[in-house]
């Protein structure tokens, strides 16, 4: 342990959010092994008896909490109960519970608190990564109660050297972030009911989040081309396309809209985004649940979309779901993906090497609204993002404008070979 002046050391973990961590000095009537357990711990780890001190908002409050903990530990040490012992539990026995929805401790806790939990996260994401990368690893036989920081770092290094299907090691890649996040989540859930237990991941920073590649987008004039008469003539296709590009809905949200529950007609029309399909790509396994991030919200129901829905209902009839075939069934998971290239071709849109996919519609709408001066807060709420950082990742207008300007410069240079860009030093660059 580093040497600490005084009874304890209190430091900011995040000065911006006013969160603190602390360490105890073993020279103040507490055994070194007890102080070791409380090295750089968060105040949320304090025992239930000190719950009032778990969220200090200033350094003075944090120091008071650390003082209270020392007094508490002194009493528990005297009674011989400070090191509460938990029965041995192999890590594998604990992790396997998170790969099925029925036995998942996190799902059980969140649902009991009234928070929905996605079965697809458990049965597809966790189940797959557990069996693909963790099954058979030595970590599964270790006792979770004695698994320390050194063992934790050794496992992180070992798992990072495994290879993905393409033959590359997974450390530094998205798959590594997901695997480590899964283990950290399971360990944190173990701590939820055992606050005296020392979670080894508390002292190890998570892998740095890898930012995904930005989607290519359609410019405003290209979106207008897409909806010109004669481009998208099928009523179902046209309605879905408008819901994508002018309401910003996700695929699973579009086909989850219910006719008699989610449509508010009129001049101030709106869509109630209450439902979304889970595991939408599988006809057998898909189920109707709540939207992504459990964010029930409202989206615009513009006049063009209202008109498209009326045309669709006249052609296909009125069914439980808004966007469906004549028999009331909804399209399969890749239906939009298969239709999109035809829309772009008929609209005469030159992609110029851009990769436009269905999800690009949300990026295109966000960029168009931002260029028109719509506040980012509105764009975030409309798209149902969990944070403003996510919304910022959807904005492409600055880069798009730069590309347009540089493209024009290049075209002008080709037309007039004698033209040149003149830098600040006055020397022409041809």
Protein backbone atom coordinates (compact mmCIF):
# COMPACT_ATOMS: atom_id res chain seq x y z
CA UNK A 1 0.00 0.00 0.00
CA UNK A 2 1.21 3.54 -0.62
CA UNK A 3 2.05 5.52 2.47
CA UNK A 4 -0.84 7.68 3.68
CA UNK A 5 -0.45 10.74 5.88
CA UNK A 6 -3.23 10.77 8.47
CA UNK A 7 -6.04 8.32 9.07
CA UNK A 8 -7.08 8.17 5.44
CA UNK A 9 -6.65 9.62 1.97
CA UNK A 10 -9.65 11.00 0.10
CA UNK A 11 -9.30 11.80 -3.61
CA UNK A 12 -11.53 12.76 -6.49
CA UNK A 13 -12.35 9.89 -8.80
CA UNK A 14 -14.20 12.34 -11.04
CA UNK A 15 -14.02 16.01 -10.12
CA UNK A 16 -16.67 16.84 -12.69
CA UNK A 17 -19.24 14.48 -11.15
CA UNK A 18 -17.93 14.94 -7.58
CA UNK A 19 -17.29 11.27 -6.96
CA UNK A 20 -14.62 10.21 -4.51
CA UNK A 21 -12.41 7.25 -3.61
CA UNK A 22 -10.50 6.71 -0.37
CA UNK A 23 -7.79 4.58 1.23
CA UNK A 24 -7.18 3.84 4.92
CA UNK A 25 -3.92 4.15 6.83
CA UNK A 26 -3.01 0.85 8.55
CA UNK A 27 -1.28 2.81 11.35
CA UNK A 28 -4.58 3.80 12.97
CA UNK A 29 -5.61 0.76 15.02
CA UNK A 30 -6.70 -1.28 12.01
CA UNK A 31 -4.97 -4.45 10.75
CA UNK A 32 -3.05 -3.99 7.44
CA UNK A 33 -5.16 -6.68 5.74
CA UNK A 34 -8.34 -4.75 6.59
CA UNK A 35 -6.92 -1.47 5.23
CA UNK A 36 -5.78 -3.33 2.12
CA UNK A 37 -9.39 -4.27 1.41
CA UNK A 38 -10.34 -0.59 1.49
CA UNK A 39 -7.61 0.71 -0.82
CA UNK A 40 -8.98 3.18 -3.39
CA UNK A 41 -12.56 2.17 -2.77
CA UNK A 42 -15.64 4.09 -3.81
CA UNK A 43 -17.95 5.39 -1.10
CA UNK A 44 -20.84 3.42 -2.62
CA UNK A 45 -19.06 0.34 -1.22
CA UNK A 46 -19.66 1.39 2.40
CA UNK A 47 -21.66 -1.16 4.45
CA UNK A 48 -25.41 -0.77 4.87
CA UNK A 49 -24.91 0.70 8.36
CA UNK A 50 -23.13 3.67 6.74
CA UNK A 51 -25.47 4.10 3.77
CA UNK A 52 -25.91 7.79 4.61
CA UNK A 53 -22.26 8.38 3.68
CA UNK A 54 -22.31 6.57 0.31
CA UNK A 55 -22.78 9.66 -1.88
CA UNK A 56 -20.66 12.57 -0.57
CA UNK A 57 -20.95 15.81 -2.53
CA UNK A 58 -17.85 17.50 -1.11
CA UNK A 59 -14.43 16.52 0.21
CA UNK A 60 -15.40 17.38 3.76
CA UNK A 61 -18.40 15.04 3.56
CA UNK A 62 -16.14 12.38 2.05
CA UNK A 63 -13.67 12.72 4.93
CA UNK A 64 -16.54 12.39 7.42
CA UNK A 65 -17.57 9.19 5.68
CA UNK A 66 -14.05 7.79 5.87
CA UNK A 67 -13.89 8.69 9.59
CA UNK A 68 -17.20 6.91 10.17
CA UNK A 69 -15.92 3.82 8.36
CA UNK A 70 -12.80 3.67 10.52
CA UNK A 71 -14.91 3.74 13.69
CA UNK A 72 -17.21 1.09 12.24
CA UNK A 73 -14.29 -1.17 11.31
CA UNK A 74 -12.74 -0.81 14.75
CA UNK A 75 -15.93 -2.11 16.35
CA UNK A 76 -16.28 -4.94 13.83
CA UNK A 77 -12.63 -5.90 14.30
CA UNK A 78 -13.14 -6.08 18.05
CA UNK A 79 -16.14 -8.38 17.51
CA UNK A 80 -14.19 -10.47 14.98
CA UNK A 81 -16.74 -9.92 12.21
CA UNK A 82 -14.88 -7.45 10.00
CA UNK A 83 -13.80 -10.07 7.44
CA UNK A 84 -17.11 -11.64 6.58
CA UNK A 85 -16.55 -15.01 4.91
CA UNK A 86 -18.62 -16.09 1.93
CA UNK A 87 -18.85 -19.71 0.93
CA UNK A 88 -16.63 -20.75 -2.00
CA UNK A 89 -18.27 -20.14 -5.36
CA UNK A 90 -16.56 -21.04 -8.66
CA UNK A 91 -16.66 -18.10 -11.07
CA UNK A 92 -17.99 -20.37 -13.81
CA UNK A 93 -20.98 -21.34 -11.67
CA UNK A 94 -21.78 -17.66 -11.22
CA UNK A 95 -21.20 -16.58 -14.83
CA UNK A 96 -23.32 -19.32 -16.38
CA UNK A 97 -26.39 -17.85 -14.67
CA UNK A 98 -26.08 -14.73 -16.82
CA UNK A 99 -26.38 -16.67 -20.10
CA UNK A 100 -30.06 -17.59 -19.61
CA UNK A 101 -32.87 -15.14 -18.99
CA UNK A 102 -34.65 -17.24 -16.37
CA UNK A 103 -31.64 -17.58 -14.04
CA UNK A 104 -30.01 -14.20 -14.69
CA UNK A 105 -29.45 -12.39 -11.34
CA UNK A 106 -29.24 -8.98 -13.00
CA UNK A 107 -32.48 -9.47 -14.92
CA UNK A 108 -34.20 -10.62 -11.73
CA UNK A 109 -33.00 -7.58 -9.78
CA UNK A 110 -33.90 -5.02 -12.46
CA UNK A 111 -37.31 -6.52 -13.17
CA UNK A 112 -38.08 -6.58 -9.44
CA UNK A 113 -37.26 -2.84 -9.41
CA UNK A 114 -39.69 -2.23 -12.26
CA UNK A 115 -37.02 -1.87 -14.97
CA UNK A 116 -37.54 -3.92 -18.19
CA UNK A 117 -34.67 -6.16 -19.31
CA UNK A 118 -34.03 -7.45 -22.82
CA UNK A 119 -33.98 -11.25 -23.29
CA UNK A 120 -31.95 -10.86 -26.49
CA UNK A 121 -29.09 -9.25 -24.55
CA UNK A 122 -28.84 -12.35 -22.40
CA UNK A 123 -29.65 -15.17 -24.78
CA UNK A 124 -27.81 -13.85 -27.82
CA UNK A 125 -25.01 -11.54 -26.65
CA UNK A 126 -23.96 -13.03 -23.30
CA UNK A 127 -24.65 -16.63 -24.29
CA UNK A 128 -22.64 -16.29 -27.49
CA UNK A 129 -19.58 -14.61 -25.99
CA UNK A 130 -19.51 -16.93 -23.00
CA UNK A 131 -19.44 -20.03 -25.21
CA UNK A 132 -17.17 -18.53 -27.86
CA UNK A 133 -14.44 -17.04 -25.66
CA UNK A 134 -14.85 -17.88 -21.95
CA UNK A 135 -15.98 -21.53 -21.81
CA UNK A 136 -13.02 -23.74 -20.87
CA UNK A 137 -10.91 -20.87 -19.49
CA UNK A 138 -9.14 -21.37 -16.17
CA UNK A 139 -11.06 -18.45 -14.65
CA UNK A 140 -14.16 -20.63 -14.38
CA UNK A 141 -12.66 -22.86 -11.66
CA UNK A 142 -11.37 -19.99 -9.50
CA UNK A 143 -13.25 -18.95 -6.36
CA UNK A 144 -14.86 -15.56 -6.91
CA UNK A 145 -14.29 -14.63 -3.25
CA UNK A 146 -10.50 -15.05 -3.47
CA UNK A 147 -10.04 -13.79 -7.03
CA UNK A 148 -7.73 -10.79 -6.54
CA UNK A 149 -6.51 -7.92 -8.71
CA UNK A 150 -3.38 -9.79 -9.85
CA UNK A 151 -5.44 -12.77 -10.98
CA UNK A 152 -7.87 -10.40 -12.67
CA UNK A 153 -5.14 -8.68 -14.71
CA UNK A 154 -3.68 -12.05 -15.69
CA UNK A 155 -7.07 -13.14 -17.00
CA UNK A 156 -7.53 -9.88 -18.93
CA UNK A 157 -4.17 -10.42 -20.63
CA UNK A 158 -4.95 -14.08 -21.38
CA UNK A 159 -8.39 -13.43 -22.82
CA UNK A 160 -7.03 -10.54 -24.88
CA UNK A 161 -4.60 -12.89 -26.66
CA UNK A 162 -7.40 -15.11 -27.92
CA UNK A 163 -8.22 -14.81 -31.59
CA UNK A 164 -11.43 -13.90 -33.35
CA UNK A 165 -12.71 -15.75 -36.40
CA UNK A 166 -10.58 -13.57 -38.68
CA UNK A 167 -7.42 -14.67 -36.85
CA UNK A 168 -6.71 -11.34 -35.10
CA UNK A 169 -6.22 -11.16 -31.33
CA UNK A 170 -9.25 -9.61 -29.66
CA UNK A 171 -7.47 -7.18 -27.30
CA UNK A 172 -8.19 -3.63 -28.42
CA UNK A 173 -11.27 -4.62 -30.40
CA UNK A 174 -14.99 -4.31 -29.82
CA UNK A 175 -15.34 -8.02 -28.99
CA UNK A 176 -12.78 -7.64 -26.18
CA UNK A 177 -14.71 -4.70 -24.75
CA UNK A 178 -17.93 -6.73 -24.75
CA UNK A 179 -16.34 -9.78 -23.06
CA UNK A 180 -14.68 -7.74 -20.33
CA UNK A 181 -17.89 -5.75 -19.87
CA UNK A 182 -19.80 -9.00 -19.39
CA UNK A 183 -17.41 -10.21 -16.67
CA UNK A 184 -17.36 -6.82 -14.94
CA UNK A 185 -21.16 -6.75 -14.96
CA UNK A 186 -21.34 -10.22 -13.38
CA UNK A 187 -18.81 -9.31 -10.68
CA UNK A 188 -20.64 -6.06 -9.92
CA UNK A 189 -23.90 -7.99 -9.61
CA UNK A 190 -22.21 -10.36 -7.13
CA UNK A 191 -21.22 -7.31 -5.07
CA UNK A 192 -24.81 -5.97 -5.05
CA UNK A 193 -25.78 -8.41 -2.28
CA UNK A 194 -22.32 -8.67 -0.68
CA UNK A 195 -21.19 -5.10 -0.09
CA UNK A 196 -18.36 -6.21 2.23
CA UNK A 197 -16.82 -8.27 -0.60
CA UNK A 198 -13.85 -6.78 -2.46
CA UNK A 199 -14.52 -6.58 -6.21
CA UNK A 200 -11.11 -6.84 -7.98
CA UNK A 201 -12.40 -4.88 -10.96
CA UNK A 202 -12.77 -1.77 -8.77
CA UNK A 203 -9.04 -1.11 -9.15
CA UNK A 204 -8.86 -1.85 -12.89
CA UNK A 205 -10.06 0.60 -15.51
CA UNK A 206 -12.35 -0.87 -18.19
CA UNK A 207 -11.06 -1.10 -21.77
CA UNK A 208 -11.30 2.15 -23.66
CA UNK A 209 -14.50 2.29 -25.65
CA UNK A 210 -13.89 1.85 -29.35
CA UNK A 211 -15.84 4.34 -31.39
CA UNK A 212 -17.67 2.71 -34.26
CA UNK A 213 -17.24 3.88 -37.80
CA UNK A 214 -19.57 6.73 -38.68
CA UNK A 215 -22.38 5.92 -41.05
CA UNK A 216 -22.44 7.46 -44.49
CA UNK A 217 -25.45 9.71 -44.99
CA UNK A 218 -27.65 11.16 -47.71
CA UNK A 219 -27.67 14.92 -48.12
CA UNK A 220 -30.94 16.85 -47.84
CA UNK A 221 -31.38 17.21 -51.62
CA UNK A 222 -30.80 13.46 -52.04
CA UNK A 223 -33.48 12.65 -49.46
CA UNK A 224 -35.86 14.89 -51.41
CA UNK A 225 -35.03 12.94 -54.58
CA UNK A 226 -35.85 9.71 -52.78
CA UNK A 227 -39.44 10.84 -52.20
CA UNK A 228 -40.15 12.34 -55.60
CA UNK A 229 -43.21 10.88 -57.40
CA UNK A 230 -42.57 7.56 -59.09
CA UNK A 231 -39.53 6.55 -56.99
CA UNK A 232 -41.13 4.57 -54.17
CA UNK A 233 -44.59 3.58 -55.39
CA UNK A 234 -45.46 0.58 -53.22
CA UNK A 235 -47.58 1.89 -50.29
CA UNK A 236 -45.85 -0.22 -47.65
CA UNK A 237 -42.38 0.65 -48.89
CA UNK A 238 -43.18 4.36 -49.09
CA UNK A 239 -44.64 4.46 -45.58
CA UNK A 240 -41.65 2.64 -44.10
CA UNK A 241 -39.19 4.91 -45.95
CA UNK A 242 -40.88 8.06 -44.64
CA UNK A 243 -40.89 6.64 -41.10
CA UNK A 244 -37.14 6.06 -41.46
CA UNK A 245 -36.09 9.36 -43.04
CA UNK A 246 -38.60 11.85 -41.62
CA UNK A 247 -39.48 10.36 -38.22
CA UNK A 248 -36.10 8.78 -37.42
CA UNK A 249 -37.49 5.44 -36.28
CA UNK A 250 -35.45 2.28 -35.91
CA UNK A 251 -36.47 -0.76 -37.94
CA UNK A 252 -37.82 -2.63 -34.90
CA UNK A 253 -39.79 0.47 -33.83
CA UNK A 254 -41.39 1.00 -37.26
CA UNK A 255 -42.86 -2.50 -37.37
CA UNK A 256 -43.81 -2.31 -33.68
CA UNK A 257 -46.22 0.60 -34.18
CA UNK A 258 -49.81 -0.37 -33.38
CA UNK A 259 -52.70 1.14 -35.32
CA UNK A 260 -55.11 1.87 -32.48
CA UNK A 261 -52.61 2.74 -29.74
CA UNK A 262 -49.58 4.55 -31.10
CA UNK A 263 -50.87 7.05 -33.71
CA UNK A 264 -51.99 10.56 -32.76
CA UNK A 265 -53.43 12.21 -35.87
CA UNK A 266 -53.83 15.90 -36.71
CA UNK A 267 -51.79 19.07 -37.09
CA UNK A 268 -49.71 18.15 -34.07
CA UNK A 269 -49.52 14.49 -34.93
CA UNK A 270 -47.11 12.27 -33.05
CA UNK A 271 -46.06 8.65 -32.80
CA UNK A 272 -45.93 6.95 -29.43
CA UNK A 273 -42.82 4.77 -29.44
CA UNK A 274 -43.90 2.24 -26.84
CA UNK A 275 -43.09 -1.05 -28.57
CA UNK A 276 -40.13 -2.46 -30.47
CA UNK A 277 -39.32 -5.95 -31.67
CA UNK A 278 -36.60 -7.93 -29.88
CA UNK A 279 -34.56 -10.40 -31.96
CA UNK A 280 -36.37 -8.98 -34.99
CA UNK A 281 -34.15 -10.87 -37.41
CA UNK A 282 -35.66 -14.20 -36.33
CA UNK A 283 -39.32 -14.87 -37.13
CA UNK A 284 -39.42 -17.72 -34.61
CA UNK A 285 -37.72 -15.95 -31.70
CA UNK A 286 -38.78 -12.32 -32.11
CA UNK A 287 -40.95 -10.90 -29.37
CA UNK A 288 -42.54 -7.50 -28.85
CA UNK A 289 -40.98 -5.50 -26.02
CA UNK A 290 -40.06 -1.94 -25.14
CA UNK A 291 -37.75 0.33 -27.20
CA UNK A 292 -33.97 0.35 -26.98
CA UNK A 293 -32.57 1.56 -23.64
CA UNK A 294 -36.17 1.22 -22.33
CA UNK A 295 -36.77 4.79 -23.57
CA UNK A 296 -40.47 5.19 -24.28
CA UNK A 297 -40.80 8.44 -26.24
CA UNK A 298 -42.73 10.41 -28.83
CA UNK A 299 -41.62 10.96 -32.43
CA UNK A 300 -43.04 13.28 -35.11
CA UNK A 301 -45.96 12.07 -37.23
CA UNK A 302 -45.56 14.49 -40.18
CA UNK A 303 -48.28 15.14 -42.73
CA UNK A 304 -46.51 13.10 -45.43
CA UNK A 305 -46.36 10.09 -43.12
CA UNK A 306 -49.99 10.50 -42.11
CA UNK A 307 -50.94 10.53 -45.79
CA UNK A 308 -48.76 7.50 -46.51
CA UNK A 309 -50.38 5.53 -43.67
CA UNK A 310 -53.88 6.34 -45.00
CA UNK A 311 -52.86 5.15 -48.49
CA UNK A 312 -51.37 1.98 -46.96
CA UNK A 313 -54.52 1.25 -44.97
CA UNK A 314 -56.67 1.76 -48.06
CA UNK A 315 -54.52 -0.72 -49.98
CA UNK A 316 -53.77 -3.34 -47.28
CA UNK A 317 -56.62 -2.84 -44.82
CA UNK A 318 -56.46 -1.92 -41.13
CA UNK A 319 -54.60 -4.39 -38.91
CA UNK A 320 -53.07 -4.54 -35.44
CA UNK A 321 -49.73 -3.22 -36.70
CA UNK A 322 -49.51 -0.14 -38.93
CA UNK A 323 -46.83 -1.32 -41.35
CA UNK A 324 -47.82 -4.78 -42.55
CA UNK A 325 -48.82 -6.80 -45.58
CA UNK A 326 -52.44 -7.39 -46.67
CA UNK A 327 -52.68 -10.48 -44.46
CA UNK A 328 -51.56 -8.51 -41.38
CA UNK A 329 -48.10 -10.07 -41.22
CA UNK A 330 -45.03 -7.86 -40.89
CA UNK A 331 -41.91 -8.08 -43.09
CA UNK A 332 -38.87 -10.14 -42.15
CA UNK A 333 -35.74 -8.65 -40.60
CA UNK A 334 -33.85 -7.91 -43.84
CA UNK A 335 -36.81 -6.57 -45.82
CA UNK A 336 -35.72 -2.90 -45.67
CA UNK A 337 -32.12 -3.85 -46.43
CA UNK A 338 -33.28 -5.64 -49.59
CA UNK A 339 -35.53 -2.79 -50.71
CA UNK A 340 -33.17 0.14 -50.07
CA UNK A 341 -30.82 -0.34 -53.10
CA UNK A 342 -33.83 -0.23 -55.44
CA UNK A 343 -35.04 3.04 -53.90
CA UNK A 344 -31.64 4.68 -54.32
CA UNK A 345 -31.26 3.46 -57.91
CA UNK A 346 -34.70 4.68 -59.00
CA UNK A 347 -34.00 8.05 -57.35
CA UNK A 348 -30.81 8.39 -59.40
CA UNK A 349 -28.68 8.96 -56.31
CA UNK A 350 -24.95 8.55 -56.96
CA UNK A 351 -23.46 7.12 -53.79
CA UNK A 352 -19.91 7.93 -54.85
CA UNK A 353 -18.42 5.13 -52.77
CA UNK A 354 -20.64 5.77 -49.75
CA UNK A 355 -22.17 2.80 -47.99
CA UNK A 356 -25.82 3.58 -47.29
CA UNK A 357 -27.63 1.10 -45.03
CA UNK A 358 -31.09 1.34 -43.39
CA UNK A 359 -29.64 2.79 -40.17
CA UNK A 360 -28.06 5.58 -42.24
CA UNK A 361 -31.54 7.13 -42.35
CA UNK A 362 -31.32 8.13 -38.68
CA UNK A 363 -27.89 9.67 -39.26
CA UNK A 364 -29.18 11.49 -42.33
CA UNK A 365 -32.14 12.94 -40.44
CA UNK A 366 -30.00 14.02 -37.48
CA UNK A 367 -27.52 15.78 -39.77
CA UNK A 368 -30.31 17.50 -41.74
CA UNK A 369 -32.00 18.77 -38.56
CA UNK A 370 -28.70 19.97 -37.08
CA UNK A 371 -27.88 21.87 -40.29
CA UNK A 372 -31.32 23.51 -40.06
CA UNK A 373 -30.54 24.75 -36.54
CA UNK A 374 -32.69 22.30 -34.55
CA UNK A 375 -31.40 22.08 -30.94
CA UNK A 376 -29.36 18.95 -30.20
CA UNK A 377 -31.52 18.20 -27.16
CA UNK A 378 -34.56 17.82 -29.40
CA UNK A 379 -32.67 15.61 -31.83
CA UNK A 380 -31.48 13.40 -28.96
CA UNK A 381 -34.97 12.99 -27.52
CA UNK A 382 -36.56 12.38 -30.93
CA UNK A 383 -34.08 9.62 -31.81
CA UNK A 384 -34.28 8.06 -28.34
CA UNK A 385 -30.56 8.24 -27.59
CA UNK A 386 -29.25 7.40 -24.12
CA UNK A 387 -26.80 10.34 -24.10
CA UNK A 388 -25.85 13.49 -25.96
CA UNK A 389 -22.53 11.85 -26.86
CA UNK A 390 -24.43 9.30 -28.95
CA UNK A 391 -26.32 12.06 -30.73
CA UNK A 392 -23.10 13.90 -31.56
CA UNK A 393 -21.89 10.75 -33.28
CA UNK A 394 -24.88 11.03 -35.65
CA UNK A 395 -23.99 14.52 -36.89
CA UNK A 396 -22.10 14.60 -40.16
CA UNK A 397 -22.71 18.12 -41.41
CA UNK A 398 -19.32 19.75 -40.65
CA UNK A 399 -17.40 16.98 -42.38
CA UNK A 400 -19.92 16.93 -45.22
CA UNK A 401 -19.53 20.65 -45.82
CA UNK A 402 -15.73 20.35 -45.82
CA UNK A 403 -15.95 17.51 -48.33
CA UNK A 404 -18.23 19.57 -50.58
CA UNK A 405 -15.88 22.57 -50.48
CA UNK A 406 -12.76 20.51 -51.20
CA UNK A 407 -14.60 18.69 -54.00
CA UNK A 408 -15.49 22.02 -55.64
CA UNK A 409 -11.87 23.16 -55.32
CA UNK A 410 -10.71 19.95 -57.00
CA UNK A 411 -13.22 20.33 -59.82
CA UNK A 412 -12.15 23.93 -60.39
CA UNK A 413 -8.50 22.92 -60.50
CA UNK A 414 -9.27 20.34 -63.20
CA UNK A 415 -11.18 22.89 -65.26
CA UNK A 416 -8.37 25.49 -64.99
CA UNK A 417 -4.90 23.88 -64.62
CA UNK A 418 -3.39 27.33 -64.08
CA UNK A 419 -5.45 27.88 -60.95
CA UNK A 420 -3.64 27.33 -57.69
CA UNK A 421 -4.20 27.45 -53.96
CA UNK A 422 -2.25 30.35 -52.47
CA UNK A 423 -1.05 29.68 -48.90
CA UNK A 424 -0.19 32.28 -46.29
CA UNK A 425 3.42 32.66 -47.43
CA UNK A 426 2.25 33.85 -50.82
CA UNK A 427 3.84 31.01 -52.79
CA UNK A 428 1.44 29.31 -55.16
CA UNK A 429 1.05 25.57 -54.91
CA UNK A 430 0.12 24.09 -58.28
